[in-house]
Amino acid sequence: MKKLLLLLVFAAHAAFAATPLPAGAAFDIGFSPGGSSLEVVLRGIDSARSDILVAAYGFTSKPIATALLAAAHRGVRVAVVADRKANSRGYSAVTFLANQGVPVRLNGQYAIHHHKFMVIDGRHLETGSFNFTQAAVKSNAENVILLWNVPNAAAVYAREWRRLWDEATPLPPAP
């Protein structure tokens, strides 16, 4: 019986084994407050050549919004899905982006749409606790990791982004 139990435990562990990172993968990590979280996020945005899929909870960061807009102006397809409640209290970065023609949808399907990630060019993934807000930069203890050249992981996040996007409602530009 002990051998069977050990075999089952080993099999269960093997079934949940981590997927190895591909050759050529790398990472950047940042921490806040007063650290490098914002720099890591901006580095990822600035690297984009084809598309950026953004999932956000709170989104009030002017530097991130302006970097996304600059990416859109250089031909990168940018789209944002964000939490409805956290981004419906007055003018926010999502309102700014929608007013500039960037596709934005708000997701109100959950108590909190607490995602904070970007899929960049279908190959790179930025994620962590870092909210796209000024408080995340200056006041909160937050973290961000930018994984370079991880297309399989990026594809998993892109599928989740698409699901969130499909169930969200468009934020029209303000008149």
C-alpha atoms as a PDB file:
ATOM      1  CA  MET A   1       0.000   0.000   0.000  1.00  0.00           C
ATOM      2  CA  LYS A   2       2.853   2.402   0.826  1.00  0.00           C
ATOM      3  CA  LYS A   3       4.420   1.764  -2.576  1.00  0.00           C
ATOM      4  CA  LEU A   4       1.127   2.532  -4.323  1.00  0.00           C
ATOM      5  CA  LEU A   5       0.719   5.735  -2.333  1.00  0.00           C
ATOM      6  CA  LEU A   6       4.287   6.806  -3.161  1.00  0.00           C
ATOM      7  CA  LEU A   7       3.728   6.005  -6.822  1.00  0.00           C
ATOM      8  CA  LEU A   8       0.533   8.104  -6.840  1.00  0.00           C
ATOM      9  CA  VAL A   9       2.285  11.019  -5.125  1.00  0.00           C
ATOM     10  CA  PHE A  10       5.157  10.838  -7.631  1.00  0.00           C
ATOM     11  CA  ALA A  11       2.741  10.629 -10.570  1.00  0.00           C
ATOM     12  CA  ALA A  12       0.751  13.603  -9.281  1.00  0.00           C
ATOM     13  CA  HIS A  13       3.947  15.631  -8.877  1.00  0.00           C
ATOM     14  CA  ALA A  14       5.090  14.735 -12.378  1.00  0.00           C
ATOM     15  CA  ALA A  15       1.696  15.746 -13.795  1.00  0.00           C
ATOM     16  CA  PHE A  16       2.144  19.229 -12.334  1.00  0.00           C
ATOM     17  CA  ALA A  17       5.817  19.638 -13.169  1.00  0.00           C
ATOM     18  CA  ALA A  18       6.881  23.039 -14.352  1.00  0.00           C
ATOM     19  CA  THR A  19       7.279  23.681 -18.044  1.00  0.00           C
ATOM     20  CA  PRO A  20      10.900  24.496 -18.767  1.00  0.00           C
ATOM     21  CA  LEU A  21      11.757  27.864 -20.242  1.00  0.00           C
ATOM     22  CA  PRO A  22      12.837  27.780 -23.871  1.00  0.00           C
ATOM     23  CA  ALA A  23      16.426  28.373 -24.903  1.00  0.00           C
ATOM     24  CA  GLY A  24      16.998  32.093 -25.261  1.00  0.00           C
ATOM     25  CA  ALA A  25      14.478  33.073 -22.583  1.00  0.00           C
ATOM     26  CA  ALA A  26      15.505  35.859 -20.231  1.00  0.00           C
ATOM     27  CA  PHE A  27      13.874  38.081 -17.625  1.00  0.00           C
ATOM     28  CA  ASP A  28      13.850  41.536 -16.069  1.00  0.00           C
ATOM     29  CA  ILE A  29      12.456  42.053 -12.557  1.00  0.00           C
ATOM     30  CA  GLY A  30      11.433  45.241 -10.799  1.00  0.00           C
ATOM     31  CA  PHE A  31      10.097  46.193  -7.393  1.00  0.00           C
ATOM     32  CA  SER A  32       8.262  49.193  -5.986  1.00  0.00           C
ATOM     33  CA  PRO A  33       8.022  51.594  -4.290  1.00  0.00           C
ATOM     34  CA  GLY A  34      10.951  53.602  -5.420  1.00  0.00           C
ATOM     35  CA  GLY A  35      12.347  50.744  -7.429  1.00  0.00           C
ATOM     36  CA  SER A  36      12.429  49.694 -11.017  1.00  0.00           C
ATOM     37  CA  SER A  37       8.919  48.307 -11.658  1.00  0.00           C
ATOM     38  CA  LEU A  38       7.854  51.151 -13.919  1.00  0.00           C
ATOM     39  CA  GLU A  39      11.137  50.973 -15.863  1.00  0.00           C
ATOM     40  CA  VAL A  40      10.606  47.255 -16.543  1.00  0.00           C
ATOM     41  CA  VAL A  41       7.042  47.813 -17.805  1.00  0.00           C
ATOM     42  CA  LEU A  42       8.147  50.685 -20.042  1.00  0.00           C
ATOM     43  CA  ARG A  43      11.046  48.605 -21.413  1.00  0.00           C
ATOM     44  CA  GLY A  44       8.559  45.948 -22.478  1.00  0.00           C
ATOM     45  CA  ILE A  45       6.233  48.457 -24.146  1.00  0.00           C
ATOM     46  CA  ASP A  46       9.110  50.168 -25.937  1.00  0.00           C
ATOM     47  CA  SER A  47      10.313  46.816 -27.299  1.00  0.00           C
ATOM     48  CA  ALA A  48       7.008  46.018 -29.030  1.00  0.00           C
ATOM     49  CA  ARG A  49       7.017  45.720 -32.813  1.00  0.00           C
ATOM     50  CA  SER A  50       3.607  44.199 -33.652  1.00  0.00           C
ATOM     51  CA  ASP A  51       1.110  44.097 -30.769  1.00  0.00           C
ATOM     52  CA  ILE A  52       0.521  44.601 -27.062  1.00  0.00           C
ATOM     53  CA  LEU A  53      -2.412  43.012 -25.252  1.00  0.00           C
ATOM     54  CA  VAL A  54      -2.967  44.696 -21.887  1.00  0.00           C
ATOM     55  CA  ALA A  55      -5.036  43.348 -18.989  1.00  0.00           C
ATOM     56  CA  ALA A  56      -5.335  45.752 -16.065  1.00  0.00           C
ATOM     57  CA  TYR A  57      -7.066  46.324 -12.787  1.00  0.00           C
ATOM     58  CA  GLY A  58      -6.447  49.975 -11.921  1.00  0.00           C
ATOM     59  CA  PHE A  59      -4.952  52.003 -14.747  1.00  0.00           C
ATOM     60  CA  THR A  60      -4.048  55.599 -13.969  1.00  0.00           C
ATOM     61  CA  SER A  61      -0.357  55.673 -14.901  1.00  0.00           C
ATOM     62  CA  LYS A  62       0.368  58.520 -17.293  1.00  0.00           C
ATOM     63  CA  PRO A  63       3.832  57.152 -18.241  1.00  0.00           C
ATOM     64  CA  ILE A  64       2.393  53.739 -19.144  1.00  0.00           C
ATOM     65  CA  ALA A  65      -0.553  55.236 -21.048  1.00  0.00           C
ATOM     66  CA  THR A  66       1.704  57.574 -23.033  1.00  0.00           C
ATOM     67  CA  ALA A  67       4.140  54.726 -23.798  1.00  0.00           C
ATOM     68  CA  LEU A  68       1.248  52.582 -25.079  1.00  0.00           C
ATOM     69  CA  LEU A  69       0.022  55.488 -27.214  1.00  0.00           C
ATOM     70  CA  ALA A  70       3.544  56.017 -28.594  1.00  0.00           C
ATOM     71  CA  ALA A  71       3.647  52.314 -29.473  1.00  0.00           C
ATOM     72  CA  ALA A  72       0.287  52.646 -31.263  1.00  0.00           C
ATOM     73  CA  HIS A  73       1.621  55.659 -33.191  1.00  0.00           C
ATOM     74  CA  ARG A  74       4.596  53.625 -34.414  1.00  0.00           C
ATOM     75  CA  GLY A  75       2.220  50.973 -35.778  1.00  0.00           C
ATOM     76  CA  VAL A  76       1.936  48.550 -32.851  1.00  0.00           C
ATOM     77  CA  ARG A  77      -1.591  47.198 -32.348  1.00  0.00           C
ATOM     78  CA  VAL A  78      -2.494  48.017 -28.730  1.00  0.00           C
ATOM     79  CA  ALA A  79      -5.671  46.835 -26.993  1.00  0.00           C
ATOM     80  CA  VAL A  80      -6.637  47.100 -23.325  1.00  0.00           C
ATOM     81  CA  VAL A  81      -9.145  45.195 -21.196  1.00  0.00           C
ATOM     82  CA  ALA A  82      -9.531  46.567 -17.672  1.00  0.00           C
ATOM     83  CA  ASP A  83     -11.698  46.322 -14.579  1.00  0.00           C
ATOM     84  CA  ARG A  84     -14.974  48.207 -14.981  1.00  0.00           C
ATOM     85  CA  LYS A  85     -15.300  49.489 -11.405  1.00  0.00           C
ATOM     86  CA  ALA A  86     -11.669  50.512 -10.974  1.00  0.00           C
ATOM     87  CA  ASN A  87     -11.744  52.494 -14.235  1.00  0.00           C
ATOM     88  CA  SER A  88     -15.189  54.097 -14.132  1.00  0.00           C
ATOM     89  CA  ARG A  89     -14.502  56.739 -11.516  1.00  0.00           C
ATOM     90  CA  GLY A  90     -13.756  59.760 -13.631  1.00  0.00           C
ATOM     91  CA  TYR A  91     -11.053  60.225 -16.206  1.00  0.00           C
ATOM     92  CA  SER A  92      -8.432  57.456 -16.230  1.00  0.00           C
ATOM     93  CA  ALA A  93      -5.681  56.141 -18.476  1.00  0.00           C
ATOM     94  CA  VAL A  94      -8.188  53.857 -20.206  1.00  0.00           C
ATOM     95  CA  THR A  95     -10.359  56.881 -21.016  1.00  0.00           C
ATOM     96  CA  PHE A  96      -7.301  58.696 -22.349  1.00  0.00           C
ATOM     97  CA  LEU A  97      -6.361  55.718 -24.552  1.00  0.00           C
ATOM     98  CA  ALA A  98      -9.927  55.242 -25.833  1.00  0.00           C
ATOM     99  CA  ASN A  99     -10.059  58.947 -26.714  1.00  0.00           C
ATOM    100  CA  GLN A 100      -6.870  58.452 -28.746  1.00  0.00           C
ATOM    101  CA  GLY A 101      -8.393  55.573 -30.720  1.00  0.00           C
ATOM    102  CA  VAL A 102      -6.845  52.662 -28.816  1.00  0.00           C
ATOM    103  CA  PRO A 103      -9.404  49.836 -28.436  1.00  0.00           C
ATOM    104  CA  VAL A 104     -10.433  49.552 -24.781  1.00  0.00           C
ATOM    105  CA  ARG A 105     -12.974  47.280 -23.137  1.00  0.00           C
ATOM    106  CA  LEU A 106     -14.112  47.213 -19.527  1.00  0.00           C
ATOM    107  CA  ASN A 107     -14.801  43.912 -17.823  1.00  0.00           C
ATOM    108  CA  GLY A 108     -17.414  43.908 -15.059  1.00  0.00           C
ATOM    109  CA  GLN A 109     -17.984  40.151 -14.935  1.00  0.00           C
ATOM    110  CA  TYR A 110     -16.124  39.648 -11.648  1.00  0.00           C
ATOM    111  CA  ALA A 111     -16.007  41.138  -8.177  1.00  0.00           C
ATOM    112  CA  ILE A 112     -12.555  42.338  -9.245  1.00  0.00           C
ATOM    113  CA  HIS A 113     -10.875  41.964 -12.651  1.00  0.00           C
ATOM    114  CA  HIS A 114      -7.517  41.831 -10.903  1.00  0.00           C
ATOM    115  CA  HIS A 115      -5.265  40.915 -13.823  1.00  0.00           C
ATOM    116  CA  LYS A 116      -2.092  42.883 -14.455  1.00  0.00           C
ATOM    117  CA  PHE A 117      -0.255  41.614 -17.494  1.00  0.00           C
ATOM    118  CA  MET A 118       0.857  42.433 -21.011  1.00  0.00           C
ATOM    119  CA  VAL A 119       1.502  40.057 -23.888  1.00  0.00           C
ATOM    120  CA  ILE A 120       4.008  41.709 -26.198  1.00  0.00           C
ATOM    121  CA  ASP A 121       4.482  40.563 -29.797  1.00  0.00           C
ATOM    122  CA  GLY A 122       3.092  37.136 -28.882  1.00  0.00           C
ATOM    123  CA  ARG A 123       6.524  36.259 -27.424  1.00  0.00           C
ATOM    124  CA  HIS A 124       7.115  38.302 -24.297  1.00  0.00           C
ATOM    125  CA  LEU A 125       5.101  38.414 -21.078  1.00  0.00           C
ATOM    126  CA  GLU A 126       4.981  41.097 -18.392  1.00  0.00           C
ATOM    127  CA  THR A 127       3.130  40.148 -15.205  1.00  0.00           C
ATOM    128  CA  GLY A 128       3.225  40.474 -11.426  1.00  0.00           C
ATOM    129  CA  SER A 129       1.389  42.376  -8.729  1.00  0.00           C
ATOM    130  CA  PHE A 130       2.288  45.759 -10.253  1.00  0.00           C
ATOM    131  CA  ASN A 131      -0.835  47.810 -10.956  1.00  0.00           C
ATOM    132  CA  PHE A 132      -0.569  50.330 -13.759  1.00  0.00           C
ATOM    133  CA  THR A 133      -1.016  53.222 -11.303  1.00  0.00           C
ATOM    134  CA  GLN A 134       1.001  56.025  -9.738  1.00  0.00           C
ATOM    135  CA  ALA A 135       0.399  54.488  -6.291  1.00  0.00           C
ATOM    136  CA  ALA A 136       2.080  51.286  -7.494  1.00  0.00           C
ATOM    137  CA  VAL A 137       5.173  53.286  -8.383  1.00  0.00           C
ATOM    138  CA  LYS A 138       5.337  55.550  -5.326  1.00  0.00           C
ATOM    139  CA  SER A 139       3.446  53.952  -2.430  1.00  0.00           C
ATOM    140  CA  ASN A 140       2.750  50.230  -2.783  1.00  0.00           C
ATOM    141  CA  ALA A 141       4.995  47.205  -2.322  1.00  0.00           C
ATOM    142  CA  GLU A 142       4.632  45.642  -5.777  1.00  0.00           C
ATOM    143  CA  ASN A 143       6.594  43.541  -8.240  1.00  0.00           C
ATOM    144  CA  VAL A 144       6.856  42.943 -11.965  1.00  0.00           C
ATOM    145  CA  ILE A 145       8.582  40.330 -14.067  1.00  0.00           C
ATOM    146  CA  LEU A 146       9.116  40.665 -17.794  1.00  0.00           C
ATOM    147  CA  LEU A 147       9.786  37.310 -19.426  1.00  0.00           C
ATOM    148  CA  TRP A 148      11.507  37.613 -22.797  1.00  0.00           C
ATOM    149  CA  ASN A 149      11.160  34.987 -25.544  1.00  0.00           C
ATOM    150  CA  VAL A 150       8.566  32.747 -23.880  1.00  0.00           C
ATOM    151  CA  PRO A 151       6.048  32.225 -26.715  1.00  0.00           C
ATOM    152  CA  ASN A 152       4.300  29.254 -25.063  1.00  0.00           C
ATOM    153  CA  ALA A 153       3.651  31.158 -21.829  1.00  0.00           C
ATOM    154  CA  ALA A 154       2.677  34.265 -23.814  1.00  0.00           C
ATOM    155  CA  ALA A 155       0.156  32.174 -25.783  1.00  0.00           C
ATOM    156  CA  VAL A 156      -1.517  30.977 -22.580  1.00  0.00           C
ATOM    157  CA  TYR A 157      -1.864  34.570 -21.371  1.00  0.00           C
ATOM    158  CA  ALA A 158      -3.060  35.705 -24.811  1.00  0.00           C
ATOM    159  CA  ARG A 159      -5.856  33.111 -24.661  1.00  0.00           C
ATOM    160  CA  GLU A 160      -6.902  34.406 -21.243  1.00  0.00           C
ATOM    161  CA  TRP A 161      -6.735  37.985 -22.533  1.00  0.00           C
ATOM    162  CA  ARG A 162      -8.961  37.082 -25.498  1.00  0.00           C
ATOM    163  CA  ARG A 163     -11.518  35.440 -23.172  1.00  0.00           C
ATOM    164  CA  LEU A 164     -11.599  38.542 -20.954  1.00  0.00           C
ATOM    165  CA  TRP A 165     -11.829  40.804 -24.030  1.00  0.00           C
ATOM    166  CA  ASP A 166     -14.706  38.815 -25.534  1.00  0.00           C
ATOM    167  CA  GLU A 167     -16.829  39.095 -22.380  1.00  0.00           C
ATOM    168  CA  ALA A 168     -16.087  42.796 -21.820  1.00  0.00           C
ATOM    169  CA  THR A 169     -17.882  45.829 -23.238  1.00  0.00           C
ATOM    170  CA  PRO A 170     -16.240  48.529 -25.371  1.00  0.00           C
ATOM    171  CA  LEU A 171     -15.360  51.846 -23.802  1.00  0.00           C
ATOM    172  CA  PRO A 172     -16.331  54.410 -26.422  1.00  0.00           C
ATOM    173  CA  PRO A 173     -14.256  57.571 -26.718  1.00  0.00           C
ATOM    174  CA  ALA A 174     -15.645  60.430 -24.641  1.00  0.00           C
ATOM    175  CA  PRO A 175     -17.393  63.132 -26.687  1.00  0.00           C
END
